[in-house]
Amino acid sequence: MSTISKDSLKASLLQLECHFTWTLLKKDVGLEALEETILDHIKFVVEYNIRDYNILSYVCHLKNSNEEALRSLRKAEEAIQKYHPGEIARRSLVTWGNYAWIYYHMQRYEEAQTYVSKVENSRKKLSSTAHGKIQLPEICAEKGWALLRFGRNYFEKAKNCFENALESEPNNPDFNAGYAIAMYRLEDCAERYGDEITPCLGALKRAAELNPMDTTILALLALKLQRLHQGNEGERYIEEGLQKTPDFPVFLRHAAIFYRKKGEVNKAVEILKKALALTPKSIVLHHQLGICYRSKVMQLKRTRYTPQEEVENLIQLAIFHFKTVINKKPVFFSAYADLANAYALGKRYEEAEETFQEVLQRNDLPCEDKQEICFNYGNFQHFHMKSDSNAIKYYIEGLKIEKDSHGKKKCSEAVEKLLEQKIQSGLADATDIGTLGLVHKLNGKKEEAIECYKNAIALDPNNEEYQNALVELQLSISS
């Protein structure tokens, strides 16, 4: 193929609506874990196989398995012929776009061009029947579902995709389910990372009304009601889901979270074990089991008589599950803190230290995750290693990161409490008071910071760092 036609082919490829043009980045997911999630979904949710096979083909390509990617696309085509025999062209646009890109990457340019032409010709025909409007709602929705699979950086875009799809078909159960899940995930992230909360209750209720058999939606609705302190109403939805889909792992996972949060940890463990037997490679189930075993350890440690052997066994189980998560999905950053804390519970401090250092040295660690890990590592230094100076150092490191999040707030509260306790007990030196000044400064509390720096200078009159900080603060107030 000539260079010119290869360049024009690339230009045509970039116009296609498919996984290769939706900016789904490999660095944001664990490919092995994502592939297993999709394969599990194919096994349990047959009606959405087309979009599952499409995204699976993209994941196979990212894993450099283009032949495997083509096999997935052939399965997507079979599903289109089976479920949508009357509108094959309309339903095949994403699949054909993926075919074109994979053939292009395999340097089979003529086959790539054939699929580009199929998409272009079909779009022309469809636009003549759709008043020139080419933005098909099912393509918007498929993009939305793909974005949801790639993690929290994509949730806002996913919500927008489902909103676009709903403009054309406001009563479509699938589009409403996608929109409700995107809203729920955004709210979940907002609570965890301090972003703006987007209320999802209305969207979940609407999706549940349109498709009462979608037990994933019923479970998320139950969890939302639980957060609103309406747990009894929420539990009714969980019980309904257990009747309707007793063997659907996605529902079971959410049901287990509901019972763990209710305090019924043993029930949660039983449900998770059942789900894991159905989908043994599920990362999310391993993570949830790790959390449950850790909760059981904490419960036992609060009792008067703590059976040591049982505690050690539970810690071992928690460690096993958290390690499984990290091995399969290295970008599941919060699981590193979970693993390190589990080691610390078992007094395996060296392994805890190694785990914290491994994740803190990652250069792909997002700000919110780093703040959360700094908080956890500060706690480890304070409570387990009895090193207040290291604890203070890492709380401040989390506080220095610009991003406002719950992790940052927790770092701030922890370091403030620690320093004020030292000052009130009369054990503080100039460094402690100066550090509290820095904390106030970072939190924008200028008057309190000035007061601290003055007190620190009284104890250490020649300290240039404190003098410079004081002058800078006084100038910022007067200017």
Protein backbone atom coordinates (compact mmCIF):
# COMPACT_ATOMS: atom_id res chain seq x y z
CA MET A 1 0.00 0.00 0.00
CA SER A 2 1.43 3.41 -0.90
CA THR A 3 2.36 5.90 1.83
CA ILE A 4 -0.30 8.35 0.69
CA SER A 5 -3.10 5.81 0.83
CA LYS A 6 -1.76 4.52 4.18
CA ASP A 7 -1.92 8.09 5.53
CA SER A 8 -5.43 8.58 4.16
CA LEU A 9 -6.41 5.22 5.71
CA LYS A 10 -5.13 6.42 9.11
CA ALA A 11 -7.13 9.65 8.71
CA SER A 12 -10.27 7.59 7.96
CA LEU A 13 -9.59 5.30 10.92
CA LEU A 14 -9.45 8.27 13.28
CA GLN A 15 -12.99 9.24 12.20
CA LEU A 16 -14.44 5.90 13.34
CA GLU A 17 -16.45 5.55 16.54
CA CYS A 18 -14.92 2.51 18.28
CA HIS A 19 -12.71 1.49 21.19
CA PHE A 20 -9.55 2.56 19.36
CA THR A 21 -10.73 6.19 19.10
CA TRP A 22 -12.23 6.53 22.59
CA THR A 23 -8.88 7.20 24.34
CA LEU A 24 -9.06 4.20 26.68
CA LEU A 25 -5.55 4.10 28.16
CA LYS A 26 -3.73 0.90 29.09
CA LYS A 27 -2.05 2.59 32.09
CA ASP A 28 -5.42 3.06 33.84
CA VAL A 29 -6.32 -0.63 34.13
CA GLY A 30 -4.84 -4.00 34.97
CA LEU A 31 -5.27 -5.75 31.61
CA GLU A 32 -5.35 -9.26 33.06
CA ALA A 33 -7.97 -8.30 35.65
CA LEU A 34 -10.06 -6.43 33.06
CA GLU A 35 -9.97 -9.38 30.66
CA GLU A 36 -11.14 -11.72 33.43
CA THR A 37 -13.95 -9.32 34.42
CA ILE A 38 -15.20 -9.20 30.82
CA LEU A 39 -15.02 -13.00 30.41
CA ASP A 40 -17.00 -13.42 33.66
CA HIS A 41 -19.59 -10.93 32.39
CA ILE A 42 -19.94 -12.83 29.09
CA LYS A 43 -20.60 -16.00 31.09
CA PHE A 44 -23.33 -14.48 33.25
CA VAL A 45 -24.95 -11.70 31.17
CA VAL A 46 -25.61 -13.13 27.70
CA GLU A 47 -27.75 -10.25 26.38
CA TYR A 48 -24.81 -7.82 26.41
CA ASN A 49 -22.29 -10.12 24.72
CA ILE A 50 -21.88 -7.83 21.70
CA ARG A 51 -20.37 -4.98 23.68
CA ASP A 52 -18.41 -7.41 25.87
CA TYR A 53 -16.81 -9.07 22.82
CA ASN A 54 -16.05 -5.64 21.33
CA ILE A 55 -14.19 -4.39 24.39
CA LEU A 56 -12.54 -7.80 24.80
CA SER A 57 -11.11 -7.44 21.27
CA TYR A 58 -9.59 -4.08 22.29
CA VAL A 59 -8.11 -5.56 25.48
CA CYS A 60 -6.64 -8.47 23.47
CA HIS A 61 -5.04 -5.91 21.13
CA LEU A 62 -3.55 -4.05 24.12
CA LYS A 63 -2.08 -7.40 25.20
CA ASN A 64 -0.56 -7.79 21.68
CA SER A 65 -2.91 -10.67 20.80
CA ASN A 66 -4.42 -9.42 17.55
CA GLU A 67 -5.46 -12.90 16.36
CA GLU A 68 -7.36 -13.33 19.64
CA ALA A 69 -8.87 -9.87 19.10
CA LEU A 70 -10.22 -10.97 15.69
CA ARG A 71 -11.76 -14.07 17.27
CA SER A 72 -13.63 -11.84 19.75
CA LEU A 73 -14.95 -9.67 16.92
CA ARG A 74 -16.22 -12.73 15.07
CA LYS A 75 -18.13 -13.68 18.25
CA ALA A 76 -19.54 -10.14 18.40
CA GLU A 77 -20.75 -10.56 14.79
CA GLU A 78 -22.41 -13.88 15.63
CA ALA A 79 -24.22 -12.21 18.55
CA ILE A 80 -25.37 -9.32 16.30
CA GLN A 81 -26.80 -11.80 13.77
CA LYS A 82 -28.54 -13.72 16.56
CA TYR A 83 -30.01 -10.80 18.53
CA HIS A 84 -30.41 -8.06 15.88
CA PRO A 85 -30.94 -9.82 12.51
CA GLY A 86 -33.05 -6.93 11.22
CA GLU A 87 -30.46 -4.16 11.83
CA ILE A 88 -27.07 -5.73 11.27
CA ALA A 89 -25.41 -2.63 9.72
CA ARG A 90 -26.56 -0.29 12.51
CA ARG A 91 -25.45 -2.70 15.26
CA SER A 92 -22.10 -3.53 13.59
CA LEU A 93 -20.55 -0.06 13.32
CA VAL A 94 -18.38 -0.37 16.45
CA THR A 95 -17.42 -3.97 15.61
CA TRP A 96 -16.42 -3.04 12.05
CA GLY A 97 -14.47 -0.03 13.35
CA ASN A 98 -12.53 -2.33 15.68
CA TYR A 99 -11.90 -4.76 12.79
CA ALA A 100 -10.48 -1.90 10.68
CA TRP A 101 -8.09 -0.82 13.44
CA ILE A 102 -6.87 -4.33 14.24
CA TYR A 103 -6.20 -5.08 10.57
CA TYR A 104 -4.37 -1.75 10.33
CA HIS A 105 -2.13 -2.70 13.30
CA MET A 106 -1.52 -6.09 11.64
CA GLN A 107 -0.45 -4.16 8.48
CA ARG A 108 -3.28 -5.81 6.54
CA TYR A 109 -4.24 -2.48 5.01
CA GLU A 110 -6.61 -3.67 2.31
CA GLU A 111 -8.77 -5.51 4.85
CA ALA A 112 -8.64 -2.44 7.09
CA GLN A 113 -9.84 -0.28 4.17
CA THR A 114 -12.67 -2.75 3.45
CA TYR A 115 -14.03 -2.29 6.99
CA VAL A 116 -13.59 1.50 6.88
CA SER A 117 -15.68 1.50 3.67
CA LYS A 118 -18.34 -0.73 5.28
CA VAL A 119 -18.69 1.75 8.15
CA GLU A 120 -18.75 4.80 5.85
CA ASN A 121 -21.33 3.30 3.48
CA SER A 122 -23.56 2.14 6.33
CA ARG A 123 -23.39 5.55 7.98
CA LYS A 124 -24.46 7.24 4.74
CA LYS A 125 -27.46 4.93 4.42
CA LEU A 126 -28.38 5.35 8.09
CA SER A 127 -28.07 9.15 7.97
CA SER A 128 -30.55 9.32 5.10
CA THR A 129 -33.07 7.53 7.35
CA ALA A 130 -32.15 9.48 10.50
CA HIS A 131 -32.62 13.06 9.23
CA GLY A 132 -28.86 13.45 8.83
CA LYS A 133 -28.25 12.67 12.50
CA ILE A 134 -25.47 10.09 12.74
CA GLN A 135 -24.85 10.05 16.52
CA LEU A 136 -26.54 6.71 17.19
CA PRO A 137 -27.65 6.35 20.83
CA GLU A 138 -26.46 2.72 21.09
CA ILE A 139 -22.94 3.81 20.09
CA CYS A 140 -23.00 6.54 22.76
CA ALA A 141 -24.09 3.88 25.28
CA GLU A 142 -21.45 1.38 24.17
CA LYS A 143 -18.82 4.07 24.61
CA GLY A 144 -20.24 4.82 28.07
CA TRP A 145 -20.01 1.15 29.13
CA ALA A 146 -16.42 0.95 27.83
CA LEU A 147 -15.44 4.09 29.75
CA LEU A 148 -16.91 2.64 32.97
CA ARG A 149 -14.63 -0.39 32.56
CA PHE A 150 -11.50 1.82 32.54
CA GLY A 151 -11.84 3.29 36.01
CA ARG A 152 -12.58 6.46 37.87
CA ASN A 153 -10.83 8.90 35.51
CA TYR A 154 -13.48 8.00 32.93
CA PHE A 155 -16.70 8.11 34.98
CA GLU A 156 -17.61 11.72 34.16
CA LYS A 157 -17.21 11.06 30.41
CA ALA A 158 -19.26 7.86 30.77
CA LYS A 159 -22.09 9.83 32.42
CA ASN A 160 -22.06 12.29 29.50
CA CYS A 161 -22.26 9.43 26.97
CA PHE A 162 -25.33 7.96 28.66
CA GLU A 163 -26.92 11.42 28.88
CA ASN A 164 -26.46 11.77 25.10
CA ALA A 165 -27.99 8.34 24.49
CA LEU A 166 -30.96 9.17 26.75
CA GLU A 167 -31.76 12.31 24.74
CA SER A 168 -32.81 10.00 21.88
CA GLU A 169 -34.37 7.23 23.97
CA PRO A 170 -35.27 8.48 27.47
CA ASN A 171 -37.04 5.23 28.44
CA ASN A 172 -34.33 2.80 27.29
CA PRO A 173 -33.62 0.52 30.31
CA ASP A 174 -29.99 -0.15 29.29
CA PHE A 175 -29.14 3.56 28.85
CA ASN A 176 -30.82 4.39 32.17
CA ALA A 177 -28.89 1.61 33.92
CA GLY A 178 -25.59 2.89 32.51
CA TYR A 179 -26.41 6.46 33.54
CA ALA A 180 -27.39 5.36 37.07
CA ILE A 181 -24.19 3.30 37.49
CA ALA A 182 -22.04 6.20 36.25
CA MET A 183 -23.79 8.55 38.72
CA TYR A 184 -23.34 6.05 41.56
CA ARG A 185 -19.64 5.60 40.80
CA LEU A 186 -19.13 9.37 40.62
CA GLU A 187 -20.82 9.78 44.01
CA ASP A 188 -18.71 6.93 45.41
CA CYS A 189 -15.54 8.68 44.22
CA ALA A 190 -16.75 12.03 45.53
CA GLU A 191 -17.19 10.57 49.02
CA ARG A 192 -13.79 8.90 48.88
CA TYR A 193 -11.74 11.56 47.13
CA GLY A 194 -13.51 14.77 48.14
CA ASP A 195 -14.94 15.65 44.71
CA GLU A 196 -18.29 17.32 44.19
CA ILE A 197 -21.16 14.93 44.95
CA THR A 198 -23.60 14.13 42.15
CA PRO A 199 -26.88 12.78 43.61
CA CYS A 200 -27.62 9.33 42.15
CA LEU A 201 -30.73 8.18 44.06
CA GLY A 202 -33.24 9.39 41.44
CA ALA A 203 -31.28 7.81 38.59
CA LEU A 204 -31.09 4.46 40.42
CA LYS A 205 -34.84 4.44 41.20
CA ARG A 206 -35.67 5.26 37.58
CA ALA A 207 -33.41 2.46 36.26
CA ALA A 208 -34.91 -0.02 38.76
CA GLU A 209 -38.46 0.89 37.64
CA LEU A 210 -37.59 0.41 33.96
CA ASN A 211 -35.92 -2.98 34.52
CA PRO A 212 -36.79 -4.64 37.85
CA MET A 213 -34.76 -7.72 36.78
CA ASP A 214 -31.49 -5.73 36.75
CA THR A 215 -30.30 -6.78 40.18
CA THR A 216 -27.03 -4.81 39.86
CA ILE A 217 -29.19 -1.67 39.96
CA LEU A 218 -31.25 -3.04 42.88
CA ALA A 219 -28.04 -3.66 44.84
CA LEU A 220 -26.63 -0.18 44.18
CA LEU A 221 -29.98 1.32 45.16
CA ALA A 222 -29.83 -0.68 48.42
CA LEU A 223 -26.29 0.59 49.13
CA LYS A 224 -27.34 4.17 48.44
CA LEU A 225 -30.33 3.86 50.80
CA GLN A 226 -28.02 2.37 53.43
CA ARG A 227 -25.79 5.46 53.14
CA LEU A 228 -28.89 7.61 53.67
CA HIS A 229 -29.60 5.63 56.90
CA GLN A 230 -32.53 3.83 55.25
CA GLY A 231 -30.95 0.40 55.62
CA ASN A 232 -34.22 -1.48 56.22
CA GLU A 233 -35.63 -0.33 52.90
CA GLY A 234 -32.29 -1.10 51.26
CA GLU A 235 -32.25 -4.63 52.66
CA ARG A 236 -35.60 -5.36 51.00
CA TYR A 237 -33.95 -4.71 47.62
CA ILE A 238 -31.04 -7.01 48.55
CA GLU A 239 -33.46 -9.80 49.54
CA GLU A 240 -35.39 -9.27 46.29
CA GLY A 241 -32.12 -9.54 44.33
CA LEU A 242 -31.13 -12.73 46.16
CA GLN A 243 -34.47 -14.25 45.05
CA LYS A 244 -34.14 -13.10 41.44
CA THR A 245 -30.43 -13.79 40.74
CA PRO A 246 -28.99 -15.96 43.53
CA ASP A 247 -26.01 -16.94 41.33
CA PHE A 248 -25.05 -13.62 39.72
CA PRO A 249 -21.58 -12.67 41.05
CA VAL A 250 -21.86 -8.91 40.41
CA PHE A 251 -25.04 -8.73 42.48
CA LEU A 252 -23.58 -11.00 45.18
CA ARG A 253 -20.54 -8.72 45.53
CA HIS A 254 -22.74 -5.69 46.21
CA ALA A 255 -24.97 -7.70 48.58
CA ALA A 256 -21.86 -8.69 50.55
CA ILE A 257 -20.77 -5.04 50.82
CA PHE A 258 -24.26 -4.21 52.12
CA TYR A 259 -24.06 -6.85 54.89
CA ARG A 260 -20.47 -5.96 55.82
CA LYS A 261 -21.50 -2.33 56.26
CA LYS A 262 -24.49 -3.47 58.28
CA GLY A 263 -22.03 -5.26 60.60
CA GLU A 264 -22.95 -8.80 59.50
CA VAL A 265 -19.41 -9.69 58.41
CA ASN A 266 -19.88 -13.48 58.57
CA LYS A 267 -22.87 -13.26 56.23
CA ALA A 268 -20.84 -11.06 53.88
CA VAL A 269 -18.00 -13.64 53.84
CA GLU A 270 -20.40 -16.47 52.98
CA ILE A 271 -21.87 -14.50 50.06
CA LEU A 272 -18.40 -13.54 48.78
CA LYS A 273 -17.20 -17.16 48.96
CA LYS A 274 -20.21 -18.20 46.87
CA ALA A 275 -19.48 -15.47 44.32
CA LEU A 276 -15.78 -16.39 44.21
CA ALA A 277 -16.66 -20.03 43.54
CA LEU A 278 -18.59 -18.79 40.47
CA THR A 279 -15.84 -16.38 39.29
CA PRO A 280 -12.58 -17.49 40.98
CA LYS A 281 -10.40 -14.84 39.32
CA SER A 282 -12.45 -11.78 40.27
CA ILE A 283 -10.13 -9.11 41.72
CA VAL A 284 -12.98 -7.18 43.35
CA LEU A 285 -14.18 -10.27 45.21
CA HIS A 286 -10.67 -10.98 46.50
CA HIS A 287 -10.41 -7.36 47.69
CA GLN A 288 -13.77 -7.50 49.45
CA LEU A 289 -12.86 -10.78 51.18
CA GLY A 290 -9.61 -9.21 52.38
CA ILE A 291 -11.58 -6.30 53.86
CA CYS A 292 -14.01 -8.70 55.57
CA TYR A 293 -11.24 -10.78 57.16
CA ARG A 294 -9.55 -7.59 58.37
CA SER A 295 -12.89 -6.45 59.88
CA LYS A 296 -13.19 -9.78 61.71
CA VAL A 297 -9.67 -9.31 63.14
CA MET A 298 -10.62 -5.85 64.42
CA GLN A 299 -13.82 -7.28 65.96
CA LEU A 300 -11.86 -10.03 67.75
CA LYS A 301 -9.20 -7.63 69.00
CA ARG A 302 -11.96 -5.65 70.74
CA THR A 303 -13.16 -8.70 72.68
CA ARG A 304 -11.90 -9.52 76.16
CA TYR A 305 -10.45 -12.87 75.21
CA THR A 306 -8.75 -12.81 71.81
CA PRO A 307 -8.14 -16.30 70.36
CA GLN A 308 -4.64 -15.75 68.95
CA GLU A 309 -4.68 -18.66 66.51
CA GLU A 310 -7.95 -17.49 64.93
CA VAL A 311 -6.64 -13.93 64.66
CA GLU A 312 -3.44 -15.09 62.93
CA ASN A 313 -5.43 -17.27 60.54
CA LEU A 314 -7.70 -14.35 59.59
CA ILE A 315 -4.70 -12.04 59.08
CA GLN A 316 -3.15 -14.70 56.78
CA LEU A 317 -6.38 -14.86 54.76
CA ALA A 318 -6.55 -11.06 54.46
CA ILE A 319 -2.91 -10.94 53.30
CA PHE A 320 -3.53 -13.69 50.73
CA HIS A 321 -6.51 -11.87 49.19
CA PHE A 322 -4.85 -8.42 49.12
CA LYS A 323 -1.70 -9.90 47.53
CA THR A 324 -3.85 -11.55 44.86
CA VAL A 325 -5.38 -8.15 44.04
CA ILE A 326 -2.00 -6.40 43.67
CA ASN A 327 -0.48 -9.19 41.59
CA LYS A 328 -3.35 -9.15 39.12
CA LYS A 329 -4.06 -5.42 39.13
CA PRO A 330 -0.95 -3.37 40.00
CA VAL A 331 -2.90 -0.08 39.57
CA PHE A 332 -5.32 -0.98 42.42
CA PHE A 333 -3.40 1.44 44.63
CA SER A 334 -5.58 1.37 47.77
CA ALA A 335 -4.97 -2.39 48.00
CA TYR A 336 -1.28 -1.69 48.79
CA ALA A 337 -2.30 0.18 51.95
CA ASP A 338 -4.74 -2.64 52.76
CA LEU A 339 -1.95 -5.21 52.39
CA ALA A 340 0.57 -3.17 54.41
CA ASN A 341 -1.98 -2.65 57.20
CA ALA A 342 -2.73 -6.39 57.25
CA TYR A 343 1.00 -7.11 57.66
CA ALA A 344 1.12 -4.54 60.48
CA LEU A 345 -1.83 -6.22 62.23
CA GLY A 346 0.22 -9.42 62.21
CA LYS A 347 3.30 -7.51 63.51
CA ARG A 348 5.10 -8.26 60.22
CA TYR A 349 6.54 -4.76 60.17
CA GLU A 350 9.31 -5.33 57.62
CA GLU A 351 6.84 -6.55 55.01
CA ALA A 352 4.49 -3.68 55.84
CA GLU A 353 7.36 -1.19 55.35
CA GLU A 354 8.34 -2.78 52.01
CA THR A 355 4.76 -2.64 50.75
CA PHE A 356 4.35 1.03 51.70
CA GLN A 357 7.69 1.93 50.08
CA GLU A 358 6.85 0.00 46.91
CA VAL A 359 3.66 2.00 46.33
CA LEU A 360 5.04 5.38 47.52
CA GLN A 361 7.83 5.11 44.93
CA ARG A 362 5.42 4.51 42.04
CA ASN A 363 5.51 7.42 39.58
CA ASP A 364 1.98 6.66 38.31
CA LEU A 365 0.37 7.14 41.73
CA PRO A 366 -2.56 9.63 41.47
CA CYS A 367 -2.63 12.50 43.99
CA GLU A 368 -5.71 11.26 45.90
CA ASP A 369 -4.24 7.78 46.27
CA LYS A 370 -0.88 9.17 47.39
CA GLN A 371 -2.60 11.28 50.07
CA GLU A 372 -4.52 8.23 51.31
CA ILE A 373 -1.33 6.14 51.40
CA CYS A 374 0.62 8.92 53.18
CA PHE A 375 -2.13 8.94 55.81
CA ASN A 376 -1.96 5.15 56.21
CA TYR A 377 1.83 5.16 56.33
CA GLY A 378 1.79 7.99 58.89
CA ASN A 379 -0.56 5.89 61.03
CA PHE A 380 1.74 2.89 60.64
CA GLN A 381 4.71 4.96 61.84
CA HIS A 382 2.73 6.46 64.73
CA PHE A 383 0.83 3.43 66.05
CA HIS A 384 3.10 0.50 65.14
CA MET A 385 6.65 1.87 64.84
CA LYS A 386 6.10 4.49 67.58
CA SER A 387 7.94 7.09 65.47
CA ASP A 388 6.08 10.38 65.73
CA SER A 389 8.71 12.21 63.67
CA ASN A 390 8.21 9.86 60.68
CA ALA A 391 4.43 9.97 61.13
CA ILE A 392 4.49 13.78 61.06
CA LYS A 393 6.76 13.76 57.99
CA TYR A 394 4.36 11.61 55.96
CA TYR A 395 1.16 13.30 57.13
CA ILE A 396 2.72 16.57 55.92
CA GLU A 397 3.76 15.00 52.63
CA GLY A 398 0.10 14.12 52.03
CA LEU A 399 -0.97 17.59 53.12
CA LYS A 400 1.47 19.29 50.73
CA ILE A 401 -0.21 17.70 47.68
CA GLU A 402 -2.51 20.38 46.21
CA LYS A 403 -5.52 18.10 45.52
CA ASP A 404 -8.39 18.48 48.02
CA SER A 405 -9.49 15.02 49.11
CA HIS A 406 -10.51 13.01 52.15
CA GLY A 407 -6.96 11.66 52.33
CA LYS A 408 -5.61 15.20 52.59
CA LYS A 409 -8.17 16.10 55.25
CA LYS A 410 -7.24 13.00 57.29
CA CYS A 411 -3.52 13.83 57.02
CA SER A 412 -4.25 17.36 58.23
CA GLU A 413 -6.36 16.25 61.19
CA ALA A 414 -3.86 13.54 62.23
CA VAL A 415 -0.77 15.78 62.16
CA GLU A 416 -2.56 18.64 63.91
CA LYS A 417 -3.76 16.34 66.68
CA LEU A 418 -0.31 14.81 67.13
CA LEU A 419 1.50 18.16 67.32
CA GLU A 420 -1.06 19.78 69.61
CA GLN A 421 -0.87 16.82 72.01
CA LYS A 422 2.93 17.26 72.22
CA ILE A 423 2.60 21.01 72.76
CA GLN A 424 -0.09 20.62 75.46
CA SER A 425 1.95 17.98 77.30
CA GLY A 426 4.93 20.35 77.40
CA LEU A 427 7.13 17.95 75.39
CA ALA A 428 7.24 20.08 72.23
CA ASP A 429 10.35 21.85 70.99
CA ALA A 430 10.75 24.65 68.43
CA THR A 431 10.63 22.12 65.56
CA ASP A 432 7.21 20.84 66.65
CA ILE A 433 5.79 24.36 66.99
CA GLY A 434 7.32 25.43 63.66
CA THR A 435 5.88 22.31 62.01
CA LEU A 436 2.41 23.15 63.36
CA GLY A 437 2.94 26.60 61.82
CA LEU A 438 3.62 24.92 58.48
CA VAL A 439 0.44 22.80 58.85
CA HIS A 440 -1.65 25.91 59.52
CA LYS A 441 0.02 27.66 56.57
CA LEU A 442 -0.74 24.75 54.23
CA ASN A 443 -4.35 24.80 55.44
CA GLY A 444 -4.64 28.55 54.74
CA LYS A 445 -4.92 29.44 58.47
CA LYS A 446 -2.53 32.39 58.32
CA GLU A 447 -3.17 33.94 61.76
CA GLU A 448 -2.63 30.58 63.53
CA ALA A 449 0.51 29.98 61.44
CA ILE A 450 1.94 33.40 62.40
CA GLU A 451 1.30 32.67 66.09
CA CYS A 452 3.13 29.32 65.83
CA TYR A 453 6.13 30.75 63.97
CA LYS A 454 6.46 33.53 66.59
CA ASN A 455 6.47 30.92 69.37
CA ALA A 456 8.96 28.76 67.48
CA ILE A 457 11.30 31.76 66.96
CA ALA A 458 11.11 32.56 70.69
CA LEU A 459 12.57 29.08 71.33
CA ASP A 460 14.97 29.12 68.35
CA PRO A 461 15.77 32.80 67.59
CA ASN A 462 18.30 32.17 64.79
CA ASN A 463 16.13 29.84 62.69
CA GLU A 464 15.99 31.40 59.20
CA GLU A 465 13.28 29.05 57.95
CA TYR A 466 10.83 30.23 60.63
CA GLN A 467 11.81 33.90 60.18
CA ASN A 468 11.31 33.73 56.38
CA ALA A 469 7.97 31.94 56.76
CA LEU A 470 6.81 34.56 59.30
CA VAL A 471 7.79 37.51 57.06
CA GLU A 472 6.11 35.88 54.04
CA LEU A 473 2.89 35.32 55.99
CA GLN A 474 2.83 38.85 57.45
CA LEU A 475 3.37 40.36 53.98
CA SER A 476 0.57 38.21 52.51
CA ILE A 477 -1.84 39.48 55.16
CA SER A 478 -0.89 43.16 54.81
CA SER A 479 -0.80 43.19 50.98
